[in-house]
């Protein structure tokens, strides 16, 4: 399948998220790679006591970066995928092909685990990896967090330090937020998903924005949005850029994925038809 055919099929799905969900997976499942089994340190490794606090770890010794992927799912669903799943094994396979190490993570969900569980989970993951990676000859200072959708919101909240000790350093080299949510108060009328995670008292939503913290963070950030992302995510990307420009006078690193939707941005990684991977590598390789 050539790029034009892929983009035509994605455009045919339109902006409707329900149509995108199944249709995008159907397009990319036959196209994406699986991780090299020799690089699998372990699957479903526990970084905490809860059954959902688990990750898959893939290692390239002396790798220049470790890409940690945080799945989406509207705060109430989602998983890193098992060993046989095409997604999100494709993210790890892509990272290994670049010479990086990788971790795919699963985390606790709302409503049982509301805000600020997301950034607290990422803190536990970063701490776990900081202890584990040196055992595999990998530098723990080169962690790059990448979250998609709700996962992007959790990465942003981690950089903002929400629910974390005020003196805790981020401990990561970079962060990638793919179609994330940064200001839930302006995201639109809250759905059951946002209410489950951020709470029923919408008067606190503005205080839970990460925009100003993202504009000030010393961590190098890449923001992405897709052409066929639903409009609320387009607006969130614009707000993130605006906050950074207002604070710094310059745009942040930003990628607009032509012809892609809310899911294809990540599901395409590692496929022969991959518009995101080359740009993601450029960002990671340029990190100080």
Protein backbone atom coordinates (compact mmCIF):
# COMPACT_ATOMS: atom_id res chain seq x y z
CA UNK A 1 0.00 0.00 0.00
CA UNK A 2 1.49 3.34 -1.02
CA UNK A 3 1.19 6.61 0.95
CA UNK A 4 -1.55 7.99 -1.27
CA UNK A 5 -3.71 4.90 -0.77
CA UNK A 6 -3.21 5.04 3.00
CA UNK A 7 -4.14 8.71 3.20
CA UNK A 8 -7.21 8.20 1.02
CA UNK A 9 -8.42 5.45 3.34
CA UNK A 10 -7.77 7.63 6.39
CA UNK A 11 -9.60 10.60 4.88
CA UNK A 12 -12.57 8.36 4.09
CA UNK A 13 -12.93 7.71 7.83
CA UNK A 14 -13.42 11.46 8.38
CA UNK A 15 -13.36 13.18 11.75
CA UNK A 16 -15.67 10.72 13.50
CA UNK A 17 -13.70 9.07 16.30
CA UNK A 18 -15.78 5.89 16.34
CA UNK A 19 -15.11 5.34 12.63
CA UNK A 20 -11.43 6.13 13.10
CA UNK A 21 -11.04 3.64 15.95
CA UNK A 22 -11.67 0.45 14.04
CA UNK A 23 -10.83 1.64 10.55
CA UNK A 24 -7.36 2.95 11.38
CA UNK A 25 -6.38 -0.22 13.18
CA UNK A 26 -7.53 -2.25 10.19
CA UNK A 27 -5.32 -0.19 7.87
CA UNK A 28 -2.12 -0.42 9.90
CA UNK A 29 -2.28 -3.83 11.61
CA UNK A 30 -0.83 -5.65 8.56
CA UNK A 31 1.83 -2.97 8.02
CA UNK A 32 3.55 -2.49 11.37
CA UNK A 33 6.59 -4.38 12.69
CA UNK A 34 7.01 -6.34 15.93
CA UNK A 35 9.92 -5.89 18.35
CA UNK A 36 12.98 -8.10 18.05
CA UNK A 37 12.43 -10.82 20.66
CA UNK A 38 16.12 -10.70 21.56
CA UNK A 39 15.66 -7.14 22.83
CA UNK A 40 12.77 -7.95 25.18
CA UNK A 41 13.97 -7.68 28.77
CA UNK A 42 10.53 -8.56 30.10
CA UNK A 43 6.81 -8.08 29.63
CA UNK A 44 4.29 -7.09 32.28
CA UNK A 45 7.03 -6.04 34.66
CA UNK A 46 5.48 -4.46 37.78
CA UNK A 47 6.50 -0.89 38.59
CA UNK A 48 3.90 -0.78 41.39
CA UNK A 49 1.59 -3.12 43.30
CA UNK A 50 -1.59 -2.58 41.25
CA UNK A 51 -2.28 -5.08 38.43
CA UNK A 52 -2.33 -2.20 35.92
CA UNK A 53 1.04 -0.85 37.03
CA UNK A 54 3.06 -2.83 34.54
CA UNK A 55 5.31 -2.24 31.56
CA UNK A 56 7.17 -4.00 28.76
CA UNK A 57 10.87 -3.19 28.58
CA UNK A 58 13.02 -3.44 25.43
CA UNK A 59 16.72 -2.65 25.55
CA UNK A 60 19.51 -1.66 23.21
CA UNK A 61 22.69 -1.44 25.35
CA UNK A 62 24.28 2.03 25.38
CA UNK A 63 21.30 3.41 23.48
CA UNK A 64 21.13 7.21 23.11
CA UNK A 65 17.52 7.35 24.34
CA UNK A 66 14.76 5.30 25.95
CA UNK A 67 11.32 6.02 24.51
CA UNK A 68 8.51 5.49 27.04
CA UNK A 69 5.10 5.24 25.39
CA UNK A 70 1.96 6.20 27.36
CA UNK A 71 -1.25 5.02 25.68
CA UNK A 72 -4.50 6.96 25.40
CA UNK A 73 -8.04 5.88 26.15
CA UNK A 74 -9.92 8.88 27.48
CA UNK A 75 -8.60 8.39 31.03
CA UNK A 76 -10.91 5.40 31.59
CA UNK A 77 -9.63 2.69 29.22
CA UNK A 78 -6.65 1.53 27.18
CA UNK A 79 -3.65 -0.76 27.56
CA UNK A 80 -0.12 -1.14 26.24
CA UNK A 81 -1.13 -4.35 24.44
CA UNK A 82 0.08 -7.91 24.92
CA UNK A 83 2.93 -9.69 23.17
CA UNK A 84 0.83 -10.61 20.14
CA UNK A 85 -0.84 -7.23 19.62
CA UNK A 86 0.29 -5.11 16.65
CA UNK A 87 -0.24 -1.97 18.74
CA UNK A 88 1.66 -0.65 20.65
CA UNK A 89 4.40 -3.16 19.96
CA UNK A 90 4.96 -1.14 16.80
CA UNK A 91 6.16 1.83 18.88
CA UNK A 92 8.79 -0.31 20.60
CA UNK A 93 9.79 -1.91 17.29
CA UNK A 94 10.24 1.53 15.75
CA UNK A 95 12.36 2.70 18.70
CA UNK A 96 14.59 -0.38 18.55
CA UNK A 97 15.09 0.11 14.82
CA UNK A 98 16.47 3.59 15.57
CA UNK A 99 18.92 2.17 18.11
CA UNK A 100 16.91 3.32 21.13
CA UNK A 101 15.57 1.39 24.09
CA UNK A 102 11.83 1.44 24.79
CA UNK A 103 9.13 0.87 27.38
CA UNK A 104 5.39 0.51 26.80
CA UNK A 105 3.37 1.21 29.93
CA UNK A 106 -0.08 0.56 31.34
CA UNK A 107 -1.44 2.68 34.18
CA UNK A 108 -4.35 2.90 36.60
CA UNK A 109 -7.58 4.40 35.27
CA UNK A 110 -10.50 6.57 36.34
CA UNK A 111 -12.97 6.54 37.93
CA UNK A 112 -11.24 4.39 40.55
CA UNK A 113 -8.06 6.43 40.15
CA UNK A 114 -8.87 10.09 39.34
CA UNK A 115 -6.62 13.14 38.91
CA UNK A 116 -3.69 13.37 39.64
CA UNK A 117 -3.09 9.63 39.28
CA UNK A 118 -1.69 10.03 35.74
CA UNK A 119 1.39 12.10 36.58
CA UNK A 120 1.92 10.09 39.75
CA UNK A 121 2.04 6.91 37.66
CA UNK A 122 4.62 8.50 35.35
CA UNK A 123 6.72 9.49 38.36
CA UNK A 124 6.70 5.86 39.52
CA UNK A 125 7.63 4.70 36.00
CA UNK A 126 10.51 7.18 35.69
CA UNK A 127 11.79 6.14 39.13
CA UNK A 128 11.54 2.44 38.25
CA UNK A 129 13.35 2.93 34.95
CA UNK A 130 16.01 5.11 36.56
CA UNK A 131 16.83 2.16 38.81
CA UNK A 132 16.47 -0.57 36.16
CA UNK A 133 18.09 0.88 33.02
CA UNK A 134 21.68 1.07 34.36
CA UNK A 135 21.50 -2.71 34.90
CA UNK A 136 21.27 -3.01 31.11
CA UNK A 137 24.00 -0.47 30.29
CA UNK A 138 21.42 2.22 29.41
CA UNK A 139 21.65 5.83 30.60
CA UNK A 140 18.56 6.67 32.72
CA UNK A 141 19.06 10.39 32.07
CA UNK A 142 18.03 9.86 28.42
CA UNK A 143 14.37 8.97 28.99
CA UNK A 144 11.89 10.49 26.51
CA UNK A 145 8.20 10.35 27.46
CA UNK A 146 5.68 10.10 24.63
CA UNK A 147 1.95 10.17 25.36
CA UNK A 148 -0.97 10.07 22.94
CA UNK A 149 -4.35 11.72 23.72
CA UNK A 150 -5.03 11.07 27.44
CA UNK A 151 -1.47 9.79 27.61
CA UNK A 152 -0.33 13.16 26.30
CA UNK A 153 -2.36 14.86 29.02
CA UNK A 154 -0.59 12.70 31.61
CA UNK A 155 2.83 13.56 30.19
CA UNK A 156 1.94 17.26 30.31
CA UNK A 157 0.72 16.93 33.91
CA UNK A 158 3.94 15.14 34.85
CA UNK A 159 6.02 17.99 33.44
CA UNK A 160 3.76 20.39 35.36
CA UNK A 161 4.43 18.46 38.57
CA UNK A 162 0.76 17.95 39.34
CA UNK A 163 0.31 15.77 42.40
CA UNK A 164 4.09 15.50 42.85
CA UNK A 165 6.53 16.97 45.40
CA UNK A 166 7.36 20.57 44.50
CA UNK A 167 11.10 19.87 44.49
CA UNK A 168 10.95 16.80 42.27
CA UNK A 169 12.96 17.24 39.03
CA UNK A 170 11.40 15.77 35.86
CA UNK A 171 14.31 13.40 35.35
CA UNK A 172 13.67 13.07 31.60
CA UNK A 173 15.50 14.36 28.54
CA UNK A 174 12.44 15.10 26.41
CA UNK A 175 8.68 14.81 26.08
CA UNK A 176 6.40 14.23 23.09
CA UNK A 177 2.70 15.02 23.36
CA UNK A 178 0.62 13.57 20.53
CA UNK A 179 -2.87 15.11 20.25
CA UNK A 180 -2.86 15.89 23.95
CA UNK A 181 -5.18 17.76 26.28
CA UNK A 182 -3.57 20.67 28.14
CA UNK A 183 -6.49 22.80 29.34
CA UNK A 184 -9.49 20.65 30.19
CA UNK A 185 -11.56 23.74 31.08
CA UNK A 186 -11.51 24.81 27.41
CA UNK A 187 -11.77 21.31 25.94
CA UNK A 188 -15.52 21.61 25.63
CA UNK A 189 -18.46 20.38 27.69
CA UNK A 190 -16.94 17.58 29.78
CA UNK A 191 -17.87 14.06 28.75
CA UNK A 192 -18.26 11.19 31.18
CA UNK A 193 -14.55 10.46 30.64
CA UNK A 194 -13.33 13.89 31.72
CA UNK A 195 -15.77 13.92 34.64
CA UNK A 196 -14.52 10.52 35.76
CA UNK A 197 -10.88 11.63 35.80
CA UNK A 198 -10.89 15.36 36.57
CA UNK A 199 -13.96 15.26 38.83
CA UNK A 200 -17.51 16.54 38.73
CA UNK A 201 -16.55 19.99 40.10
CA UNK A 202 -15.67 21.77 36.86
CA UNK A 203 -14.69 24.92 38.78
CA UNK A 204 -11.30 23.29 39.49
CA UNK A 205 -10.57 22.47 35.86
CA UNK A 206 -8.81 25.76 35.08
CA UNK A 207 -6.38 25.19 37.94
CA UNK A 208 -5.54 21.81 36.45
CA UNK A 209 -4.39 23.32 33.16
CA UNK A 210 -0.80 22.51 32.19
CA UNK A 211 -0.37 25.31 29.64
CA UNK A 212 1.70 27.70 31.71
CA UNK A 213 3.88 24.94 33.12
CA UNK A 214 4.55 23.60 29.63
CA UNK A 215 5.55 27.08 28.49
CA UNK A 216 8.10 27.25 31.34
CA UNK A 217 9.43 23.71 31.49
CA UNK A 218 13.15 23.23 30.85
CA UNK A 219 12.39 19.83 29.27
CA UNK A 220 12.50 19.83 25.47
CA UNK A 221 8.97 19.23 24.16
CA UNK A 222 7.46 18.23 20.83
CA UNK A 223 3.74 18.80 20.28
CA UNK A 224 1.81 17.15 17.47
CA UNK A 225 -1.70 17.31 16.10
CA UNK A 226 -3.20 15.56 13.08
CA UNK A 227 -5.14 17.07 10.22
CA UNK A 228 -8.12 14.82 10.96
CA UNK A 229 -8.02 15.15 14.74
CA UNK A 230 -11.42 16.12 16.20
CA UNK A 231 -11.71 19.92 16.55
CA UNK A 232 -11.23 20.02 20.37
CA UNK A 233 -7.77 18.52 19.95
CA UNK A 234 -6.94 21.04 17.22
CA UNK A 235 -7.83 23.82 19.64
CA UNK A 236 -5.72 22.28 22.41
CA UNK A 237 -2.68 22.22 20.14
CA UNK A 238 -3.25 25.88 19.25
CA UNK A 239 -3.46 26.80 22.94
CA UNK A 240 -0.22 24.99 23.71
CA UNK A 241 1.58 26.82 20.92
CA UNK A 242 0.07 30.15 21.99
CA UNK A 243 1.17 29.68 25.61
CA UNK A 244 4.72 28.90 24.53
CA UNK A 245 4.90 31.86 22.15
CA UNK A 246 3.54 34.21 24.80
CA UNK A 247 6.07 33.01 27.37
CA UNK A 248 9.11 32.58 25.13
CA UNK A 249 8.48 34.60 22.02
CA UNK A 250 9.05 31.56 19.80
CA UNK A 251 7.13 28.50 18.68
CA UNK A 252 7.79 25.19 20.42
CA UNK A 253 8.78 22.16 18.36
CA UNK A 254 5.52 21.35 16.60
CA UNK A 255 4.39 18.82 14.01
CA UNK A 256 1.16 18.90 11.97
CA UNK A 257 0.55 15.47 10.47
CA UNK A 258 -1.06 15.90 7.07
CA UNK A 259 -3.66 13.28 6.19
CA UNK A 260 -3.61 11.61 9.61
CA UNK A 261 -6.21 11.22 12.34
CA UNK A 262 -6.28 10.93 16.11
CA UNK A 263 -5.06 7.33 16.03
CA UNK A 264 -2.95 6.97 12.89
CA UNK A 265 -0.30 9.35 14.23
CA UNK A 266 1.00 6.59 16.51
CA UNK A 267 -0.36 3.45 14.85
CA UNK A 268 1.74 4.19 11.75
CA UNK A 269 5.09 4.09 13.57
CA UNK A 270 7.43 1.56 12.04
CA UNK A 271 5.31 0.91 8.96
CA UNK A 272 6.76 1.38 5.49
CA UNK A 273 4.29 4.28 5.19
CA UNK A 274 5.28 6.35 8.24
CA UNK A 275 5.13 10.15 8.23
CA UNK A 276 5.77 10.56 11.96
CA UNK A 277 8.82 8.37 12.58
CA UNK A 278 11.41 10.46 10.69
CA UNK A 279 10.31 13.66 12.47
CA UNK A 280 10.25 11.93 15.85
CA UNK A 281 13.77 10.67 15.31
CA UNK A 282 14.99 14.14 14.39
CA UNK A 283 13.54 15.51 17.62
CA UNK A 284 15.03 12.77 19.81
CA UNK A 285 18.45 12.84 18.15
CA UNK A 286 18.66 16.62 18.63
CA UNK A 287 18.06 16.45 22.39
CA UNK A 288 20.96 17.86 24.40
